[in-house]
Amino acid sequence: QVQLVESGGGLVQAGGSLRLSCAASAITFRASSMAWYRQAPGKQRELVAGIRSDRTANYADSVKGRFTISRDNAKNTVYLQMNSLKPEDTAVYYCNAITIAPFLNLWGQGTQVTVSS
């Protein structure tokens, strides 16, 4: 079954850290572009970080220097290490995969991250 399953969300105080994981099933993971998006209440979903199959990464300006995206192709898993968290990082975080052959645009169910001040 094709799916993305996120984990690692939770409640943390400002300045703390969390690591999100996204495990992919039934896709050609190593050839896929992976990304993390987030959506805060009343706001549009926004790209947080992406990592291509060649491990080239890109980040939203708001998280540069604080968040790191990485991937483990052996485990079909993408990670988002979040440090120096701020209350404005509070959102539901979604994992996204863009696969080729066939082309698929996949989303996970989301995981809540809440940062208290």
C-alpha atoms as a PDB file:
ATOM      1  CA  GLN A   1       0.000   0.000   0.000  1.00  0.00           C
ATOM      2  CA  VAL A   2       1.361   3.401  -1.006  1.00  0.00           C
ATOM      3  CA  GLN A   3       1.511   5.611   2.050  1.00  0.00           C
ATOM      4  CA  LEU A   4       3.488   8.124   4.084  1.00  0.00           C
ATOM      5  CA  VAL A   5       3.357   7.897   7.866  1.00  0.00           C
ATOM      6  CA  GLU A   6       4.631  10.771   9.982  1.00  0.00           C
ATOM      7  CA  SER A   7       5.679  10.604  13.611  1.00  0.00           C
ATOM      8  CA  GLY A   8       7.545  12.663  16.170  1.00  0.00           C
ATOM      9  CA  GLY A   9       5.252  15.609  16.730  1.00  0.00           C
ATOM     10  CA  GLY A  10       4.338  16.872  20.162  1.00  0.00           C
ATOM     11  CA  LEU A  11       4.407  19.719  22.642  1.00  0.00           C
ATOM     12  CA  VAL A  12       7.683  21.485  23.340  1.00  0.00           C
ATOM     13  CA  GLN A  13       8.745  24.712  24.974  1.00  0.00           C
ATOM     14  CA  ALA A  14      10.218  27.547  22.954  1.00  0.00           C
ATOM     15  CA  GLY A  15      13.899  26.930  22.341  1.00  0.00           C
ATOM     16  CA  GLY A  16      13.443  23.167  22.386  1.00  0.00           C
ATOM     17  CA  SER A  17      13.891  20.556  19.691  1.00  0.00           C
ATOM     18  CA  LEU A  18      11.870  17.875  17.949  1.00  0.00           C
ATOM     19  CA  ARG A  19      12.623  15.412  15.195  1.00  0.00           C
ATOM     20  CA  LEU A  20       9.910  14.418  12.784  1.00  0.00           C
ATOM     21  CA  SER A  21      10.065  11.209  10.791  1.00  0.00           C
ATOM     22  CA  CYS A  22       8.177  10.153   7.683  1.00  0.00           C
ATOM     23  CA  ALA A  23       8.272   6.525   6.618  1.00  0.00           C
ATOM     24  CA  ALA A  24       7.311   5.769   3.035  1.00  0.00           C
ATOM     25  CA  SER A  25       5.861   2.516   1.773  1.00  0.00           C
ATOM     26  CA  ALA A  26       5.506   1.064  -1.695  1.00  0.00           C
ATOM     27  CA  ILE A  27       7.263   3.866  -3.570  1.00  0.00           C
ATOM     28  CA  THR A  28      10.652   4.129  -5.240  1.00  0.00           C
ATOM     29  CA  PHE A  29      11.901   6.203  -2.360  1.00  0.00           C
ATOM     30  CA  ARG A  30      15.453   6.830  -3.497  1.00  0.00           C
ATOM     31  CA  ALA A  31      14.206   8.382  -6.737  1.00  0.00           C
ATOM     32  CA  SER A  32      11.586  10.522  -5.024  1.00  0.00           C
ATOM     33  CA  SER A  33      11.721  14.145  -3.952  1.00  0.00           C
ATOM     34  CA  MET A  34      10.608  14.489  -0.345  1.00  0.00           C
ATOM     35  CA  ALA A  35       9.436  17.535   1.546  1.00  0.00           C
ATOM     36  CA  TRP A  36       7.890  18.795   4.744  1.00  0.00           C
ATOM     37  CA  TYR A  37       5.050  21.299   4.692  1.00  0.00           C
ATOM     38  CA  ARG A  38       3.162  22.864   7.556  1.00  0.00           C
ATOM     39  CA  GLN A  39      -0.205  24.454   8.054  1.00  0.00           C
ATOM     40  CA  ALA A  40      -1.085  26.672  10.986  1.00  0.00           C
ATOM     41  CA  PRO A  41      -4.714  27.447  11.892  1.00  0.00           C
ATOM     42  CA  GLY A  42      -6.202  29.951   9.476  1.00  0.00           C
ATOM     43  CA  LYS A  43      -3.146  29.902   7.221  1.00  0.00           C
ATOM     44  CA  GLN A  44      -2.257  28.260   3.945  1.00  0.00           C
ATOM     45  CA  ARG A  45      -0.039  25.209   3.815  1.00  0.00           C
ATOM     46  CA  GLU A  46       3.571  26.245   3.252  1.00  0.00           C
ATOM     47  CA  LEU A  47       6.776  24.501   2.277  1.00  0.00           C
ATOM     48  CA  VAL A  48       9.184  24.106   5.183  1.00  0.00           C
ATOM     49  CA  ALA A  49      11.987  22.086   3.602  1.00  0.00           C
ATOM     50  CA  GLY A  50      12.578  19.787   0.655  1.00  0.00           C
ATOM     51  CA  ILE A  51      15.225  17.267  -0.304  1.00  0.00           C
ATOM     52  CA  ARG A  52      15.743  15.838  -3.746  1.00  0.00           C
ATOM     53  CA  SER A  53      16.974  12.410  -4.716  1.00  0.00           C
ATOM     54  CA  ASP A  54      20.520  13.805  -5.021  1.00  0.00           C
ATOM     55  CA  ARG A  55      20.154  15.089  -1.408  1.00  0.00           C
ATOM     56  CA  THR A  56      20.032  18.732  -2.506  1.00  0.00           C
ATOM     57  CA  ALA A  57      17.992  20.531   0.139  1.00  0.00           C
ATOM     58  CA  ASN A  58      16.092  23.790   0.267  1.00  0.00           C
ATOM     59  CA  TYR A  59      14.463  25.612   3.177  1.00  0.00           C
ATOM     60  CA  ALA A  60      11.932  28.308   3.868  1.00  0.00           C
ATOM     61  CA  ASP A  61      13.635  31.488   5.020  1.00  0.00           C
ATOM     62  CA  SER A  62      11.806  31.282   8.345  1.00  0.00           C
ATOM     63  CA  VAL A  63      13.514  27.997   9.284  1.00  0.00           C
ATOM     64  CA  LYS A  64      16.981  28.364   7.758  1.00  0.00           C
ATOM     65  CA  GLY A  65      19.673  27.680  10.313  1.00  0.00           C
ATOM     66  CA  ARG A  66      17.210  26.010  12.704  1.00  0.00           C
ATOM     67  CA  PHE A  67      15.757  23.070  10.772  1.00  0.00           C
ATOM     68  CA  THR A  68      17.562  20.310   8.894  1.00  0.00           C
ATOM     69  CA  ILE A  69      15.995  17.879   6.463  1.00  0.00           C
ATOM     70  CA  SER A  70      17.661  14.548   5.766  1.00  0.00           C
ATOM     71  CA  ARG A  71      16.842  11.206   4.232  1.00  0.00           C
ATOM     72  CA  ASP A  72      17.794   7.582   4.799  1.00  0.00           C
ATOM     73  CA  ASN A  73      17.175   5.691   1.580  1.00  0.00           C
ATOM     74  CA  ALA A  74      17.858   2.350   3.267  1.00  0.00           C
ATOM     75  CA  LYS A  75      14.961   2.989   5.639  1.00  0.00           C
ATOM     76  CA  ASN A  76      12.697   4.809   3.149  1.00  0.00           C
ATOM     77  CA  THR A  77      12.480   7.598   5.700  1.00  0.00           C
ATOM     78  CA  VAL A  78      12.850  11.362   5.629  1.00  0.00           C
ATOM     79  CA  TYR A  79      13.526  13.382   8.763  1.00  0.00           C
ATOM     80  CA  LEU A  80      13.097  16.962   9.883  1.00  0.00           C
ATOM     81  CA  GLN A  81      15.293  18.001  12.797  1.00  0.00           C
ATOM     82  CA  MET A  82      13.827  21.132  14.330  1.00  0.00           C
ATOM     83  CA  ASN A  83      15.939  23.137  16.761  1.00  0.00           C
ATOM     84  CA  SER A  84      15.421  26.480  18.482  1.00  0.00           C
ATOM     85  CA  LEU A  85      11.691  26.100  18.061  1.00  0.00           C
ATOM     86  CA  LYS A  86       9.489  29.179  18.262  1.00  0.00           C
ATOM     87  CA  PRO A  87       5.775  29.528  19.008  1.00  0.00           C
ATOM     88  CA  GLU A  88       5.259  30.536  15.377  1.00  0.00           C
ATOM     89  CA  ASP A  89       6.453  27.065  14.341  1.00  0.00           C
ATOM     90  CA  THR A  90       3.226  25.665  15.804  1.00  0.00           C
ATOM     91  CA  ALA A  91       1.367  23.860  13.017  1.00  0.00           C
ATOM     92  CA  VAL A  92       0.398  20.521  11.602  1.00  0.00           C
ATOM     93  CA  TYR A  93       3.408  19.215   9.706  1.00  0.00           C
ATOM     94  CA  TYR A  94       2.845  17.128   6.584  1.00  0.00           C
ATOM     95  CA  CYS A  95       5.216  14.872   4.701  1.00  0.00           C
ATOM     96  CA  ASN A  96       5.085  15.033   0.905  1.00  0.00           C
ATOM     97  CA  ALA A  97       6.571  12.782  -1.759  1.00  0.00           C
ATOM     98  CA  ILE A  98       6.842  13.363  -5.473  1.00  0.00           C
ATOM     99  CA  THR A  99       7.542  10.086  -7.219  1.00  0.00           C
ATOM    100  CA  ILE A 100       8.332   9.243 -10.810  1.00  0.00           C
ATOM    101  CA  ALA A 101       7.360   6.208 -12.902  1.00  0.00           C
ATOM    102  CA  PRO A 102       4.518   6.495 -12.088  1.00  0.00           C
ATOM    103  CA  PHE A 103       4.157  10.163 -11.194  1.00  0.00           C
ATOM    104  CA  LEU A 104       2.508  10.497  -7.773  1.00  0.00           C
ATOM    105  CA  ASN A 105       2.055  13.423  -5.397  1.00  0.00           C
ATOM    106  CA  LEU A 106       1.589  11.864  -1.967  1.00  0.00           C
ATOM    107  CA  TRP A 107       0.732  13.320   1.423  1.00  0.00           C
ATOM    108  CA  GLY A 108       0.923  11.933   4.919  1.00  0.00           C
ATOM    109  CA  GLN A 109      -1.797  12.376   7.511  1.00  0.00           C
ATOM    110  CA  GLY A 110       0.062  15.114   9.366  1.00  0.00           C
ATOM    111  CA  THR A 111       1.557  15.412  12.832  1.00  0.00           C
ATOM    112  CA  GLN A 112       0.890  18.242  15.274  1.00  0.00           C
ATOM    113  CA  VAL A 113       3.766  20.351  16.555  1.00  0.00           C
ATOM    114  CA  THR A 114       2.950  22.793  19.341  1.00  0.00           C
ATOM    115  CA  VAL A 115       5.544  25.192  20.714  1.00  0.00           C
ATOM    116  CA  SER A 116       4.665  26.943  23.952  1.00  0.00           C
ATOM    117  CA  SER A 117       6.101  30.307  24.919  1.00  0.00           C
END
